[in-house]
Amino acid sequence: MPESHCPDVQLRLEAILAYIQRLRANLYPADWTADPLYRIEQELASLLDDMRRG
């Protein structure tokens, strides 16, 4: 992927992560990890961490 597209991709992933977090907060208790969205949230957070580290 061209370097110039990375900030746009990162912003989009951050927006998706925020949406998933809001959705989970409305559907499940705060400490709940047995829902199908939890794994998606964790994978997105991991991808973003990898992007930030380079």
C-alpha atoms as a PDB file:
ATOM      1  CA  MET A   1       0.000   0.000   0.000  1.00  0.00           C
ATOM      2  CA  PRO A   2       1.400   3.433  -0.839  1.00  0.00           C
ATOM      3  CA  GLU A   3       2.647   5.378   2.162  1.00  0.00           C
ATOM      4  CA  SER A   4       0.292   8.297   1.438  1.00  0.00           C
ATOM      5  CA  HIS A   5      -2.758   6.096   2.078  1.00  0.00           C
ATOM      6  CA  CYS A   6      -1.712   4.919   5.544  1.00  0.00           C
ATOM      7  CA  PRO A   7      -3.076   7.888   7.529  1.00  0.00           C
ATOM      8  CA  ASP A   8      -6.438   7.530   5.786  1.00  0.00           C
ATOM      9  CA  VAL A   9      -6.547   3.801   6.519  1.00  0.00           C
ATOM     10  CA  GLN A  10      -5.558   4.399  10.128  1.00  0.00           C
ATOM     11  CA  LEU A  11      -8.306   6.989  10.569  1.00  0.00           C
ATOM     12  CA  ARG A  12     -10.855   4.639   9.053  1.00  0.00           C
ATOM     13  CA  LEU A  13      -9.777   1.775  11.307  1.00  0.00           C
ATOM     14  CA  GLU A  14      -9.954   4.075  14.344  1.00  0.00           C
ATOM     15  CA  ALA A  15     -13.499   5.072  13.358  1.00  0.00           C
ATOM     16  CA  ILE A  16     -14.525   1.427  12.959  1.00  0.00           C
ATOM     17  CA  LEU A  17     -12.976   0.558  16.318  1.00  0.00           C
ATOM     18  CA  ALA A  18     -14.816   3.418  18.006  1.00  0.00           C
ATOM     19  CA  TYR A  19     -18.087   2.260  16.432  1.00  0.00           C
ATOM     20  CA  ILE A  20     -17.537  -1.322  17.634  1.00  0.00           C
ATOM     21  CA  GLN A  21     -16.723  -0.048  21.132  1.00  0.00           C
ATOM     22  CA  ARG A  22     -19.892   2.061  21.261  1.00  0.00           C
ATOM     23  CA  LEU A  23     -21.964  -0.821  19.954  1.00  0.00           C
ATOM     24  CA  ARG A  24     -20.546  -3.237  22.523  1.00  0.00           C
ATOM     25  CA  ALA A  25     -21.099  -0.709  25.329  1.00  0.00           C
ATOM     26  CA  ASN A  26     -24.769  -0.523  24.374  1.00  0.00           C
ATOM     27  CA  LEU A  27     -25.245  -4.281  24.047  1.00  0.00           C
ATOM     28  CA  TYR A  28     -23.137  -5.908  26.774  1.00  0.00           C
ATOM     29  CA  PRO A  29     -21.901  -5.265  30.324  1.00  0.00           C
ATOM     30  CA  ALA A  30     -18.547  -3.458  30.531  1.00  0.00           C
ATOM     31  CA  ASP A  31     -16.542  -6.546  31.570  1.00  0.00           C
ATOM     32  CA  TRP A  32     -18.212  -8.922  29.091  1.00  0.00           C
ATOM     33  CA  THR A  33     -15.836 -10.661  26.672  1.00  0.00           C
ATOM     34  CA  ALA A  34     -18.006 -13.544  25.395  1.00  0.00           C
ATOM     35  CA  ASP A  35     -19.674 -11.583  22.603  1.00  0.00           C
ATOM     36  CA  PRO A  36     -18.685 -11.934  18.935  1.00  0.00           C
ATOM     37  CA  LEU A  37     -17.710  -8.246  18.675  1.00  0.00           C
ATOM     38  CA  TYR A  38     -15.045  -8.565  21.370  1.00  0.00           C
ATOM     39  CA  ARG A  39     -12.669 -10.463  19.106  1.00  0.00           C
ATOM     40  CA  ILE A  40     -13.201  -7.928  16.309  1.00  0.00           C
ATOM     41  CA  GLU A  41     -12.483  -5.073  18.724  1.00  0.00           C
ATOM     42  CA  GLN A  42      -9.270  -6.755  19.881  1.00  0.00           C
ATOM     43  CA  GLU A  43      -8.084  -7.415  16.313  1.00  0.00           C
ATOM     44  CA  LEU A  44      -8.726  -3.814  15.254  1.00  0.00           C
ATOM     45  CA  ALA A  45      -6.867  -2.499  18.309  1.00  0.00           C
ATOM     46  CA  SER A  46      -3.959  -4.805  17.514  1.00  0.00           C
ATOM     47  CA  LEU A  47      -3.836  -3.673  13.876  1.00  0.00           C
ATOM     48  CA  LEU A  48      -3.809  -0.033  14.952  1.00  0.00           C
ATOM     49  CA  ASP A  49      -1.027  -0.696  17.458  1.00  0.00           C
ATOM     50  CA  ASP A  50       1.014  -2.346  14.703  1.00  0.00           C
ATOM     51  CA  MET A  51       0.432   0.632  12.412  1.00  0.00           C
ATOM     52  CA  ARG A  52       1.472   3.132  15.084  1.00  0.00           C
ATOM     53  CA  ARG A  53       4.677   1.247  15.819  1.00  0.00           C
ATOM     54  CA  GLY A  54       5.612   1.275  12.168  1.00  0.00           C
END
